Amino acid sequence: LALDEPTTNLDVENKSSLAHALSAVIKERMDESSFQLIIITHDDEFVELLRQNIQVGGTAAYYEVTREPNSEGKYVSVIAKAA
């Protein structure tokens, strides 16, 4: 499942409901080896809502992609496991 900017045009209540619903799906399916969820978002509040509702354990993890300058001054994507 891939979601691109799922909180666009959502109010706070609907954003929270979406985070809770996705958290429930993640908790239900996190032990399945074929389950993958990709959420593309710039909404830090939404990410924090997901963090608060998901206990990451076992093989489940989530990653954050950022853009940072390298030694040549060019921007590169950096993928890191989120804490």
Protein backbone atom coordinates (compact mmCIF):
# COMPACT_ATOMS: atom_id res chain seq x y z
CA LEU A 1 0.00 0.00 0.00
CA ALA A 2 1.41 3.41 -0.93
CA LEU A 3 -0.03 6.73 0.20
CA ASP A 4 1.23 10.02 -1.23
CA GLU A 5 0.53 13.03 1.02
CA PRO A 6 -2.55 11.41 2.61
CA THR A 7 -3.18 14.33 4.99
CA THR A 8 -3.53 17.00 2.32
CA ASN A 9 -6.73 18.97 3.00
CA LEU A 10 -7.54 17.00 6.17
CA ASP A 11 -8.47 18.80 9.36
CA VAL A 12 -6.92 17.79 12.68
CA GLU A 13 -9.72 15.37 13.59
CA ASN A 14 -9.57 13.51 10.26
CA LYS A 15 -5.76 13.46 10.33
CA SER A 16 -5.88 11.84 13.76
CA SER A 17 -8.50 9.32 12.60
CA LEU A 18 -6.34 8.38 9.62
CA ALA A 19 -3.31 7.88 11.87
CA HIS A 20 -5.31 5.64 14.21
CA ALA A 21 -6.74 3.62 11.31
CA LEU A 22 -3.32 3.11 9.72
CA SER A 23 -1.87 2.19 13.10
CA ALA A 24 -4.52 -0.51 13.47
CA VAL A 25 -3.70 -1.90 10.01
CA ILE A 26 0.03 -1.88 10.80
CA LYS A 27 -0.45 -3.63 14.14
CA GLU A 28 -2.69 -6.24 12.50
CA ARG A 29 -0.31 -7.01 9.65
CA MET A 30 3.17 -6.20 10.98
CA ASP A 31 4.16 -9.85 11.35
CA GLU A 32 3.34 -10.67 7.74
CA SER A 33 6.51 -10.84 5.68
CA SER A 34 4.76 -9.48 2.57
CA PHE A 35 3.23 -6.39 4.22
CA GLN A 36 4.66 -3.05 3.14
CA LEU A 37 3.26 0.40 3.71
CA ILE A 38 4.82 3.46 2.11
CA ILE A 39 3.66 6.88 3.27
CA ILE A 40 5.05 9.94 1.56
CA THR A 41 4.39 12.97 3.71
CA HIS A 42 5.83 16.29 4.81
CA ASP A 43 3.40 16.42 7.72
CA ASP A 44 5.51 16.04 10.88
CA GLU A 45 2.42 16.09 13.11
CA PHE A 46 1.01 13.10 11.23
CA VAL A 47 4.28 11.21 11.54
CA GLU A 48 4.29 11.91 15.28
CA LEU A 49 0.70 10.61 15.57
CA LEU A 50 1.79 7.38 13.88
CA ARG A 51 4.85 7.11 16.17
CA GLN A 52 2.66 7.50 19.25
CA ASN A 53 0.30 4.74 18.12
CA ILE A 54 2.74 2.12 16.86
CA GLN A 55 5.06 0.04 18.95
CA VAL A 56 7.80 -0.98 16.52
CA GLY A 57 9.10 -4.44 17.21
CA GLY A 58 10.12 -7.66 15.53
CA THR A 59 10.89 -7.11 11.88
CA ALA A 60 8.72 -4.01 11.58
CA ALA A 61 10.51 -0.71 11.13
CA TYR A 62 10.10 2.59 9.47
CA TYR A 63 12.54 4.77 7.62
CA GLU A 64 12.89 8.46 7.00
CA VAL A 65 14.22 9.90 3.76
CA THR A 66 15.90 13.30 3.89
CA ARG A 67 17.94 15.37 1.45
CA GLU A 68 21.32 16.55 2.63
CA PRO A 69 24.32 18.16 0.93
CA ASN A 70 27.30 15.91 0.32
CA SER A 71 30.98 16.91 0.38
CA GLU A 72 30.65 18.29 -3.17
CA GLY A 73 27.71 20.52 -2.24
CA LYS A 74 25.22 18.40 -4.18
CA TYR A 75 22.09 17.22 -2.46
CA VAL A 76 21.63 13.48 -2.02
CA SER A 77 18.86 11.42 -0.51
CA VAL A 78 19.68 9.86 2.83
CA ILE A 79 17.62 6.91 4.08
CA ALA A 80 17.84 6.13 7.78
CA LYS A 81 15.94 3.88 10.13
CA ALA A 82 13.84 6.14 12.34
CA ALA A 83 14.16 5.86 16.09
